[in-house]
Amino acid sequence: MKKLIVGVLLIGSLLATSCNYQVVDLTYNYNYAYIQLQNGEVIEGKVDAWRDYEDGEQLQVQINGIVYLTSSYNCTLIYNPALK
């Protein structure tokens, strides 16, 4: 029974990765952000630092020395290699 479960998991993971699905997301080097504020204004710029919180969807993003605490629903983080 254990061999069957391991086999099914192995085949499932192989099928998922062969269909261009990313099983594990290891991208944490974001360097540009768009943040939509509640008044509709959009802040964008090079990210000085950012942090996510394990207990929810909150992000803390620092752009030009200003720290924004926002929901991940209102923020888009991007990694752009040209901005290194």
N, C-alpha and C. Protein backbone atom coordinates (compact mmCIF):
# COMPACT_ATOMS: atom_id res chain seq x y z
N MET A 1 0.82 -1.20 0.00
CA MET A 1 0.00 0.00 0.00
C MET A 1 0.86 1.26 0.00
N LYS A 2 1.95 1.26 0.80
CA LYS A 2 2.84 2.41 0.84
C LYS A 2 3.50 2.65 -0.51
N LYS A 3 3.87 1.56 -1.19
CA LYS A 3 4.50 1.71 -2.51
C LYS A 3 3.52 2.31 -3.51
N LEU A 4 2.25 1.95 -3.39
CA LEU A 4 1.24 2.50 -4.29
C LEU A 4 1.07 4.00 -4.06
N ILE A 5 1.02 4.42 -2.82
CA ILE A 5 0.87 5.84 -2.50
C ILE A 5 2.07 6.63 -2.99
N VAL A 6 3.28 6.11 -2.73
CA VAL A 6 4.50 6.77 -3.19
C VAL A 6 4.51 6.86 -4.72
N GLY A 7 4.09 5.79 -5.38
CA GLY A 7 4.05 5.79 -6.84
C GLY A 7 3.08 6.81 -7.39
N VAL A 8 1.90 6.89 -6.79
CA VAL A 8 0.89 7.86 -7.24
C VAL A 8 1.41 9.28 -7.03
N LEU A 9 2.02 9.55 -5.87
CA LEU A 9 2.57 10.87 -5.62
C LEU A 9 3.69 11.22 -6.59
N LEU A 10 4.55 10.27 -6.88
CA LEU A 10 5.65 10.50 -7.81
C LEU A 10 5.12 10.78 -9.21
N ILE A 11 4.20 9.98 -9.68
CA ILE A 11 3.63 10.18 -11.01
C ILE A 11 2.88 11.51 -11.08
N GLY A 12 2.13 11.83 -10.02
CA GLY A 12 1.40 13.10 -9.99
C GLY A 12 2.33 14.29 -10.06
N SER A 13 3.43 14.23 -9.31
CA SER A 13 4.37 15.35 -9.34
C SER A 13 5.07 15.45 -10.68
N LEU A 14 5.38 14.34 -11.30
CA LEU A 14 6.00 14.37 -12.63
C LEU A 14 5.04 14.95 -13.67
N LEU A 15 3.77 14.56 -13.60
CA LEU A 15 2.79 15.10 -14.54
C LEU A 15 2.58 16.59 -14.33
N ALA A 16 2.55 17.01 -13.08
CA ALA A 16 2.35 18.44 -12.79
C ALA A 16 3.51 19.26 -13.30
N THR A 17 4.73 18.79 -13.13
CA THR A 17 5.88 19.57 -13.59
C THR A 17 6.03 19.51 -15.10
N SER A 18 5.60 18.43 -15.73
CA SER A 18 5.72 18.35 -17.18
C SER A 18 4.69 19.21 -17.88
N CYS A 19 3.64 19.63 -17.18
CA CYS A 19 2.61 20.50 -17.75
C CYS A 19 2.88 21.97 -17.46
N ASN A 20 4.11 22.28 -17.16
CA ASN A 20 4.55 23.65 -16.90
C ASN A 20 3.93 24.25 -15.65
N TYR A 21 3.62 23.43 -14.66
CA TYR A 21 3.17 23.91 -13.35
C TYR A 21 4.38 24.01 -12.44
N GLN A 22 4.41 25.06 -11.65
CA GLN A 22 5.51 25.23 -10.70
C GLN A 22 5.05 24.64 -9.36
N VAL A 23 5.69 23.55 -8.96
CA VAL A 23 5.30 22.85 -7.74
C VAL A 23 5.71 23.64 -6.51
N VAL A 24 6.93 24.17 -6.50
CA VAL A 24 7.44 24.93 -5.37
C VAL A 24 7.93 26.28 -5.88
N ASP A 25 7.47 27.35 -5.25
CA ASP A 25 7.88 28.70 -5.65
C ASP A 25 9.06 29.13 -4.78
N LEU A 26 10.21 29.31 -5.39
CA LEU A 26 11.40 29.68 -4.64
C LEU A 26 11.90 31.08 -5.01
N THR A 27 11.04 31.91 -5.62
CA THR A 27 11.42 33.26 -6.00
C THR A 27 11.13 34.21 -4.84
N TYR A 28 12.17 34.79 -4.28
CA TYR A 28 12.01 35.73 -3.18
C TYR A 28 12.83 37.00 -3.40
N ASN A 29 13.35 37.19 -4.59
CA ASN A 29 14.21 38.34 -4.88
C ASN A 29 13.46 39.37 -5.71
N TYR A 30 12.40 39.93 -5.14
CA TYR A 30 11.64 40.95 -5.86
C TYR A 30 12.32 42.30 -5.70
N ASN A 31 12.36 43.08 -6.78
CA ASN A 31 13.06 44.36 -6.69
C ASN A 31 12.24 45.55 -7.21
N TYR A 32 10.97 45.32 -7.55
CA TYR A 32 10.11 46.41 -7.99
C TYR A 32 8.69 46.10 -7.54
N ALA A 33 7.93 47.13 -7.17
CA ALA A 33 6.58 46.90 -6.66
C ALA A 33 5.61 47.95 -7.14
N TYR A 34 4.36 47.54 -7.26
CA TYR A 34 3.22 48.42 -7.48
C TYR A 34 2.28 48.20 -6.29
N ILE A 35 1.94 49.28 -5.59
CA ILE A 35 1.05 49.19 -4.44
C ILE A 35 -0.12 50.12 -4.67
N GLN A 36 -1.33 49.58 -4.62
CA GLN A 36 -2.53 50.41 -4.76
C GLN A 36 -3.02 50.80 -3.37
N LEU A 37 -3.10 52.11 -3.13
CA LEU A 37 -3.58 52.62 -1.85
C LEU A 37 -5.11 52.68 -1.86
N GLN A 38 -5.70 52.88 -0.71
CA GLN A 38 -7.16 52.90 -0.59
C GLN A 38 -7.81 54.07 -1.31
N ASN A 39 -7.06 55.15 -1.49
CA ASN A 39 -7.62 56.30 -2.21
C ASN A 39 -7.48 56.16 -3.73
N GLY A 40 -6.99 55.01 -4.20
CA GLY A 40 -6.86 54.76 -5.63
C GLY A 40 -5.49 55.08 -6.18
N GLU A 41 -4.67 55.79 -5.42
CA GLU A 41 -3.32 56.13 -5.86
C GLU A 41 -2.47 54.86 -5.94
N VAL A 42 -1.60 54.80 -6.93
CA VAL A 42 -0.70 53.67 -7.08
C VAL A 42 0.73 54.15 -6.85
N ILE A 43 1.37 53.52 -5.90
CA ILE A 43 2.78 53.79 -5.61
C ILE A 43 3.59 52.72 -6.34
N GLU A 44 4.62 53.16 -7.03
CA GLU A 44 5.49 52.18 -7.69
C GLU A 44 6.93 52.62 -7.53
N GLY A 45 7.81 51.64 -7.51
CA GLY A 45 9.22 51.97 -7.42
C GLY A 45 10.08 50.78 -7.07
N LYS A 46 11.36 51.05 -7.04
CA LYS A 46 12.34 50.03 -6.70
C LYS A 46 12.21 49.68 -5.22
N VAL A 47 12.17 48.40 -4.91
CA VAL A 47 11.98 47.93 -3.55
C VAL A 47 13.30 47.98 -2.80
N ASP A 48 13.30 48.71 -1.68
CA ASP A 48 14.47 48.71 -0.79
C ASP A 48 14.50 47.44 0.04
N ALA A 49 13.33 47.04 0.56
CA ALA A 49 13.19 45.83 1.36
C ALA A 49 11.72 45.43 1.37
N TRP A 50 11.46 44.16 1.61
CA TRP A 50 10.07 43.72 1.73
C TRP A 50 10.03 42.52 2.67
N ARG A 51 8.84 42.30 3.23
CA ARG A 51 8.65 41.21 4.16
C ARG A 51 7.20 40.75 4.08
N ASP A 52 6.99 39.45 4.15
CA ASP A 52 5.63 38.94 4.22
C ASP A 52 5.41 38.34 5.60
N TYR A 53 4.15 38.27 5.98
CA TYR A 53 3.79 37.75 7.30
C TYR A 53 3.11 36.40 7.13
N GLU A 54 3.54 35.45 7.93
CA GLU A 54 3.07 34.07 7.82
C GLU A 54 1.59 33.93 8.16
N ASP A 55 1.06 34.78 9.02
CA ASP A 55 -0.31 34.62 9.51
C ASP A 55 -1.33 35.39 8.69
N GLY A 56 -1.13 35.57 7.44
CA GLY A 56 -2.10 36.29 6.63
C GLY A 56 -1.52 36.74 5.32
N GLU A 57 -2.20 37.70 4.71
CA GLU A 57 -1.77 38.15 3.39
C GLU A 57 -1.08 39.50 3.43
N GLN A 58 -0.63 39.94 4.61
CA GLN A 58 0.00 41.25 4.73
C GLN A 58 1.43 41.26 4.21
N LEU A 59 1.77 42.36 3.56
CA LEU A 59 3.14 42.60 3.09
C LEU A 59 3.61 43.93 3.65
N GLN A 60 4.87 43.99 4.00
CA GLN A 60 5.51 45.25 4.37
C GLN A 60 6.56 45.53 3.30
N VAL A 61 6.37 46.62 2.56
CA VAL A 61 7.23 46.93 1.43
C VAL A 61 7.82 48.32 1.65
N GLN A 62 9.13 48.44 1.47
CA GLN A 62 9.80 49.73 1.61
C GLN A 62 10.25 50.20 0.23
N ILE A 63 9.76 51.39 -0.14
CA ILE A 63 10.12 52.02 -1.42
C ILE A 63 10.58 53.44 -1.11
N ASN A 64 11.76 53.80 -1.55
CA ASN A 64 12.33 55.14 -1.32
C ASN A 64 12.31 55.53 0.16
N GLY A 65 12.58 54.58 1.03
CA GLY A 65 12.65 54.86 2.45
C GLY A 65 11.31 54.90 3.16
N ILE A 66 10.21 54.81 2.44
CA ILE A 66 8.87 54.81 3.03
C ILE A 66 8.39 53.37 3.13
N VAL A 67 7.88 53.01 4.32
CA VAL A 67 7.42 51.63 4.55
C VAL A 67 5.90 51.60 4.41
N TYR A 68 5.41 50.69 3.58
CA TYR A 68 3.98 50.50 3.35
C TYR A 68 3.57 49.15 3.89
N LEU A 69 2.53 49.10 4.70
CA LEU A 69 1.94 47.85 5.15
C LEU A 69 0.66 47.69 4.37
N THR A 70 0.58 46.64 3.58
CA THR A 70 -0.54 46.48 2.67
C THR A 70 -0.93 45.01 2.55
N SER A 71 -2.07 44.80 1.97
CA SER A 71 -2.51 43.45 1.67
C SER A 71 -1.84 42.98 0.39
N SER A 72 -1.59 41.69 0.29
CA SER A 72 -1.00 41.17 -0.95
C SER A 72 -1.96 41.33 -2.12
N TYR A 73 -3.25 41.52 -1.84
CA TYR A 73 -4.22 41.76 -2.91
C TYR A 73 -4.02 43.13 -3.56
N ASN A 74 -3.37 44.05 -2.86
CA ASN A 74 -3.15 45.40 -3.37
C ASN A 74 -1.71 45.65 -3.79
N CYS A 75 -0.91 44.62 -3.87
CA CYS A 75 0.50 44.80 -4.18
C CYS A 75 0.96 43.78 -5.20
N THR A 76 1.74 44.25 -6.15
CA THR A 76 2.37 43.36 -7.12
C THR A 76 3.87 43.52 -6.99
N LEU A 77 4.55 42.41 -6.66
CA LEU A 77 6.00 42.40 -6.56
C LEU A 77 6.56 41.77 -7.82
N ILE A 78 7.62 42.37 -8.35
CA ILE A 78 8.22 41.92 -9.60
C ILE A 78 9.71 41.76 -9.42
N TYR A 79 10.28 40.75 -10.08
CA TYR A 79 11.73 40.66 -10.16
C TYR A 79 12.13 41.01 -11.59
N ASN A 80 12.92 42.06 -11.71
CA ASN A 80 13.40 42.51 -13.01
C ASN A 80 14.94 42.47 -12.96
N PRO A 81 15.57 41.56 -13.68
CA PRO A 81 17.03 41.44 -13.63
C PRO A 81 17.75 42.72 -14.08
N ALA A 82 17.10 43.55 -14.88
CA ALA A 82 17.74 44.77 -15.35
C ALA A 82 17.87 45.83 -14.25
N LEU A 83 17.16 45.66 -13.13
CA LEU A 83 17.18 46.64 -12.05
C LEU A 83 18.18 46.34 -10.95
N LYS A 84 19.03 45.37 -11.14
CA LYS A 84 19.99 45.00 -10.09
C LYS A 84 20.77 46.13 -9.65
